[in-house]
Amino acid sequence: MNDQAVPPANKPPRPALAYRNEPFLTSPDARPLRIISEYLEPLSHLRRQRIRDTIVFFGSARIREDSPLGRYYTEARTLAAMVTTWAKTFRERTYRFVVCSGGGPGIMEAANRGASDARGKNIGLNIGLPFEQFPNPYITRELSFEFHYFFMRKFWFAYMAKALIVFPGGFGTMDELFEILTLVQTKKLAKKMTIVLYGSEFWKEVVNFEALVKYGTISAEDMNLFHFADTPEAALEILQRTLTEQVEPLPEEVPAISHSVRPDEPAGSKESL
């Protein structure tokens, strides 16, 4: 007599494994998993591609080569190529000062295109929007990312960047600019961040920084948090002057995610975020 248990003729199906359960993964209960995935998945790619840090280009998605502000597209493309060529001089085991954009059209496309012109790796941090935002074709394929959560996309903009170059733009560009300015102003990031406002005529007309000083809503010293540039050559000179001193000796973590400063800790202390 066979003492082994005989399985029932009609076995019930196995339930799906949690990490393969699509209804669960797209449910409100799984939101923390989706959020952490937008941290871990880019991190994995950046490590494999040995990306150390970035120079981020912001600007309007609506500026095209043939638009009224088309010169900014051309100059963003030129500057990105110049930055990429310069960054190659620092390459050892990792890639330094890699051009990074929001991944879409306009100034974002120009930045990725310029880096591609110079045969360099470049990053696109795209996000799905009702209009305008589709990945441009110049992003390095292995470094093209798609985000659902704006705040996770902003994390990757801020915490790997050694510099920010901001071309004329609208609400999204303003949002990114002032968020980074606030992090730098409040010394929340335990690193230096070079911020270049490209197109002084545009920026001085659109944002009255002197009025903010006049009314006491920012300090006069806060005007030193950023630089103006009107040519690719001038912007590159600012980057070379301010970033060369930040070329730390290797080895370093890859990617070099910035540390944040805790206000309740002694000066010089930091924690990874």
Protein backbone atom coordinates (compact mmCIF):
# COMPACT_ATOMS: atom_id res chain seq x y z
CA MET A 1 0.00 0.00 0.00
CA ASN A 2 1.34 3.42 -0.97
CA ASP A 3 1.32 5.71 2.09
CA GLN A 4 2.21 8.83 0.08
CA ALA A 5 -0.46 11.51 -0.01
CA VAL A 6 -2.32 11.59 -3.27
CA PRO A 7 -2.81 15.16 -4.55
CA PRO A 8 -6.40 16.08 -5.30
CA ALA A 9 -7.45 15.73 -8.89
CA ASN A 10 -8.31 19.41 -9.21
CA LYS A 11 -5.51 21.28 -7.47
CA PRO A 12 -6.31 24.93 -6.68
CA PRO A 13 -3.96 27.33 -8.49
CA ARG A 14 -1.05 28.75 -6.56
CA PRO A 15 -1.57 32.38 -5.57
CA ALA A 16 0.73 34.82 -7.35
CA LEU A 17 3.97 35.73 -5.70
CA ALA A 18 3.66 39.19 -4.18
CA TYR A 19 6.34 40.71 -6.40
CA ARG A 20 4.56 39.35 -9.50
CA ASN A 21 1.06 40.30 -8.40
CA GLU A 22 0.19 43.15 -10.76
CA PRO A 23 -3.09 44.17 -9.04
CA PHE A 24 -1.21 44.41 -5.74
CA LEU A 25 1.78 46.27 -7.19
CA THR A 26 -0.47 48.93 -8.67
CA SER A 27 -2.59 49.27 -5.54
CA PRO A 28 -2.35 52.03 -2.89
CA ASP A 29 -0.92 49.48 -0.44
CA ALA A 30 2.13 48.98 -2.66
CA ARG A 31 2.91 52.68 -3.10
CA PRO A 32 6.03 52.46 -0.87
CA LEU A 33 7.36 49.69 -3.15
CA ARG A 34 6.81 51.81 -6.24
CA ILE A 35 8.55 54.76 -4.62
CA ILE A 36 11.61 52.77 -3.57
CA SER A 37 11.74 51.18 -7.03
CA GLU A 38 12.28 54.65 -8.49
CA TYR A 39 15.33 54.91 -6.27
CA LEU A 40 16.77 51.42 -6.66
CA GLU A 41 16.27 50.91 -10.40
CA PRO A 42 18.15 54.09 -11.47
CA LEU A 43 20.79 53.40 -8.82
CA SER A 44 21.43 49.97 -10.33
CA HIS A 45 21.85 51.38 -13.84
CA LEU A 46 24.07 54.25 -12.70
CA ARG A 47 26.35 51.87 -10.86
CA ARG A 48 26.69 49.57 -13.86
CA GLN A 49 27.44 52.54 -16.10
CA ARG A 50 29.94 53.91 -13.54
CA ILE A 51 28.37 57.36 -13.39
CA ARG A 52 29.97 59.35 -10.58
CA ASP A 53 28.20 62.72 -10.74
CA THR A 54 26.33 65.02 -13.13
CA ILE A 55 25.89 68.49 -14.54
CA VAL A 56 22.16 69.11 -14.91
CA PHE A 57 20.61 71.18 -17.70
CA PHE A 58 17.17 72.69 -17.10
CA GLY A 59 15.08 74.77 -19.50
CA SER A 60 11.84 74.98 -21.40
CA ALA A 61 10.48 71.98 -23.28
CA ARG A 62 8.95 74.49 -25.73
CA ILE A 63 12.18 76.02 -27.02
CA ARG A 64 12.99 74.48 -30.41
CA GLU A 65 15.68 75.32 -32.92
CA ASP A 66 13.22 77.28 -35.07
CA SER A 67 11.36 79.00 -32.22
CA PRO A 68 11.76 82.70 -31.23
CA LEU A 69 14.14 81.61 -28.47
CA GLY A 70 15.86 79.10 -30.73
CA ARG A 71 19.34 80.44 -30.05
CA TYR A 72 19.09 78.98 -26.56
CA TYR A 73 18.56 75.51 -28.05
CA THR A 74 21.67 75.92 -30.19
CA GLU A 75 23.74 77.28 -27.32
CA ALA A 76 22.56 74.56 -24.90
CA ARG A 77 23.61 71.95 -27.45
CA THR A 78 26.99 73.63 -27.91
CA LEU A 79 27.57 73.97 -24.17
CA ALA A 80 26.63 70.33 -23.49
CA ALA A 81 29.15 69.19 -26.10
CA MET A 82 31.83 71.42 -24.56
CA VAL A 83 31.05 70.14 -21.05
CA THR A 84 31.20 66.53 -22.22
CA THR A 85 34.55 67.03 -23.96
CA TRP A 86 35.97 68.70 -20.85
CA ALA A 87 34.55 66.02 -18.54
CA LYS A 88 36.36 63.30 -20.49
CA THR A 89 39.66 64.69 -19.23
CA PHE A 90 38.73 63.50 -15.71
CA ARG A 91 37.75 59.98 -16.67
CA GLU A 92 39.50 57.17 -14.84
CA ARG A 93 37.33 54.36 -13.53
CA THR A 94 34.20 56.47 -13.40
CA TYR A 95 32.46 59.09 -15.52
CA ARG A 96 32.55 62.62 -14.12
CA PHE A 97 30.25 65.61 -14.73
CA VAL A 98 27.90 63.67 -17.00
CA VAL A 99 25.29 65.80 -18.77
CA CYS A 100 21.84 65.11 -17.35
CA SER A 101 18.48 66.52 -18.44
CA GLY A 102 14.79 65.99 -17.84
CA GLY A 103 14.80 63.73 -20.88
CA GLY A 104 12.17 65.54 -22.94
CA PRO A 105 12.22 67.97 -25.87
CA GLY A 106 13.40 71.58 -26.08
CA ILE A 107 16.39 72.52 -23.95
CA MET A 108 16.44 69.00 -22.52
CA GLU A 109 16.84 67.53 -25.98
CA ALA A 110 19.51 70.09 -26.83
CA ALA A 111 21.56 69.06 -23.79
CA ASN A 112 21.38 65.34 -24.55
CA ARG A 113 22.04 66.03 -28.21
CA GLY A 114 25.14 68.07 -27.47
CA ALA A 115 26.55 65.38 -25.21
CA SER A 116 25.81 62.82 -27.92
CA ASP A 117 27.58 65.04 -30.48
CA ALA A 118 30.68 64.79 -28.28
CA ARG A 119 30.25 61.00 -28.06
CA GLY A 120 29.65 61.06 -24.34
CA LYS A 121 27.31 59.24 -22.00
CA ASN A 122 24.32 61.34 -20.98
CA ILE A 123 21.28 60.90 -18.78
CA GLY A 124 17.57 61.57 -19.27
CA LEU A 125 15.23 61.62 -16.27
CA ASN A 126 11.89 61.61 -18.02
CA ILE A 127 8.44 61.82 -16.45
CA GLY A 128 5.08 61.02 -17.98
CA LEU A 129 2.98 64.14 -18.55
CA PRO A 130 -0.24 64.76 -20.50
CA PHE A 131 1.73 66.61 -23.19
CA GLU A 132 5.26 67.56 -24.24
CA GLN A 133 7.14 64.92 -22.31
CA PHE A 134 8.49 61.96 -24.27
CA PRO A 135 12.10 60.75 -24.12
CA ASN A 136 14.23 62.40 -26.77
CA PRO A 137 16.31 60.15 -29.05
CA TYR A 138 19.73 61.45 -27.94
CA ILE A 139 19.77 59.97 -24.42
CA THR A 140 22.21 57.13 -23.80
CA ARG A 141 19.93 54.10 -23.98
CA GLU A 142 21.11 52.54 -20.71
CA LEU A 143 20.66 55.88 -18.92
CA SER A 144 17.13 56.75 -20.00
CA PHE A 145 14.75 56.62 -17.02
CA GLU A 146 11.00 57.05 -16.70
CA PHE A 147 9.50 58.35 -13.45
CA HIS A 148 5.99 58.50 -12.08
CA TYR A 149 6.79 60.45 -8.91
CA PHE A 150 8.06 64.00 -9.34
CA PHE A 151 9.84 63.94 -5.98
CA MET A 152 11.90 60.85 -6.88
CA ARG A 153 12.90 62.46 -10.16
CA LYS A 154 13.92 65.58 -8.22
CA PHE A 155 16.00 63.43 -5.89
CA TRP A 156 18.10 62.19 -8.79
CA PHE A 157 18.46 65.71 -10.18
CA ALA A 158 19.67 67.19 -6.89
CA TYR A 159 21.69 64.50 -5.17
CA MET A 160 24.09 63.62 -7.99
CA ALA A 161 24.57 67.10 -9.45
CA LYS A 162 27.73 69.12 -9.01
CA ALA A 163 26.32 71.92 -11.16
CA LEU A 164 23.03 73.20 -12.50
CA ILE A 165 22.73 75.17 -15.75
CA VAL A 166 19.32 76.80 -16.07
CA PHE A 167 18.18 78.07 -19.45
CA PRO A 168 14.99 80.12 -19.94
CA GLY A 169 11.91 78.16 -18.99
CA GLY A 170 8.48 78.15 -17.42
CA PHE A 171 6.87 76.72 -14.31
CA GLY A 172 8.81 73.45 -14.32
CA THR A 173 12.16 75.19 -14.78
CA MET A 174 11.33 77.70 -12.04
CA ASP A 175 10.29 74.89 -9.72
CA GLU A 176 13.55 73.02 -10.18
CA LEU A 177 15.68 76.17 -9.94
CA PHE A 178 14.17 77.46 -6.72
CA GLU A 179 14.17 74.05 -5.08
CA ILE A 180 17.91 73.71 -5.69
CA LEU A 181 18.52 77.31 -4.62
CA THR A 182 16.66 76.61 -1.38
CA LEU A 183 18.74 73.47 -0.70
CA VAL A 184 21.94 75.43 -1.30
CA GLN A 185 20.80 78.51 0.62
CA THR A 186 19.85 76.45 3.67
CA LYS A 187 23.04 74.38 3.39
CA LYS A 188 20.97 71.22 3.36
CA LEU A 189 23.40 69.56 0.96
CA ALA A 190 26.86 68.81 2.29
CA LYS A 191 28.50 69.72 -1.00
CA LYS A 192 29.12 72.71 -3.21
CA MET A 193 26.70 73.29 -6.04
CA THR A 194 27.45 75.61 -8.95
CA ILE A 195 24.31 77.26 -10.34
CA VAL A 196 24.48 79.07 -13.67
CA LEU A 197 21.54 81.10 -14.97
CA TYR A 198 22.01 81.12 -18.72
CA GLY A 199 20.59 84.20 -20.48
CA SER A 200 20.97 87.13 -18.10
CA GLU A 201 18.49 89.32 -20.00
CA PHE A 202 15.74 86.74 -19.56
CA TRP A 203 16.46 85.96 -15.92
CA LYS A 204 16.85 89.56 -14.77
CA GLU A 205 13.55 90.47 -16.39
CA VAL A 206 11.59 87.43 -15.23
CA VAL A 207 12.94 87.25 -11.66
CA ASN A 208 13.72 90.47 -9.82
CA PHE A 209 16.34 89.14 -7.44
CA GLU A 210 17.34 92.65 -6.34
CA ALA A 211 13.76 93.27 -5.20
CA LEU A 212 13.93 90.18 -3.00
CA VAL A 213 17.03 91.65 -1.35
CA LYS A 214 15.39 95.09 -1.10
CA TYR A 215 12.36 93.72 0.73
CA GLY A 216 14.48 91.52 2.97
CA THR A 217 13.09 88.18 1.83
CA ILE A 218 16.60 87.00 0.92
CA SER A 219 20.00 88.21 2.09
CA ALA A 220 22.38 90.19 -0.09
CA GLU A 221 24.81 87.26 0.26
CA ASP A 222 22.26 84.97 -1.41
CA MET A 223 23.02 86.72 -4.69
CA ASN A 224 26.34 84.85 -4.60
CA LEU A 225 24.57 81.50 -4.82
CA PHE A 226 24.37 81.73 -8.62
CA HIS A 227 26.18 83.09 -11.66
CA PHE A 228 24.96 84.59 -14.93
CA ALA A 229 26.30 83.51 -18.32
CA ASP A 230 25.40 84.56 -21.85
CA THR A 231 27.67 82.39 -23.99
CA PRO A 232 28.68 78.72 -23.88
CA GLU A 233 32.27 79.81 -23.37
CA ALA A 234 31.39 81.94 -20.33
CA ALA A 235 29.30 79.15 -18.81
CA LEU A 236 32.08 76.60 -19.33
CA GLU A 237 34.61 78.93 -17.71
CA ILE A 238 32.42 79.17 -14.60
CA LEU A 239 32.10 75.39 -14.44
CA GLN A 240 35.82 74.82 -14.92
CA ARG A 241 36.70 77.42 -12.28
CA THR A 242 34.28 76.15 -9.64
CA LEU A 243 34.27 72.40 -10.27
CA THR A 244 37.90 71.52 -10.87
CA GLU A 245 38.58 71.86 -7.15
CA GLN A 246 35.85 69.27 -6.51
CA VAL A 247 37.63 66.47 -8.37
CA GLU A 248 38.26 64.29 -5.33
CA PRO A 249 40.78 61.45 -5.47
CA LEU A 250 39.35 58.02 -6.27
CA PRO A 251 38.05 55.61 -5.15
CA GLU A 252 34.64 57.09 -4.36
CA GLU A 253 31.17 55.66 -4.24
CA VAL A 254 29.39 55.34 -7.57
CA PRO A 255 27.17 57.21 -8.00
CA ALA A 256 28.37 59.93 -5.63
CA ILE A 257 25.02 60.66 -4.01
CA SER A 258 25.22 63.78 -1.87
CA HIS A 259 24.95 63.75 1.89
CA SER A 260 22.45 65.93 3.68
CA VAL A 261 23.20 68.03 6.74
CA ARG A 262 21.31 67.51 9.98
CA PRO A 263 20.75 70.75 11.91
CA ASP A 264 20.98 68.96 15.29
CA GLU A 265 24.46 67.61 14.57
CA PRO A 266 27.83 69.36 15.03
CA ALA A 267 29.31 71.24 12.09
CA GLY A 268 30.80 68.93 9.51
CA SER A 269 28.61 65.95 10.32
CA LYS A 270 26.47 64.44 7.60
CA GLU A 271 24.25 61.53 6.74
CA SER A 272 23.49 59.83 3.48
CA LEU A 273 20.09 60.31 1.92
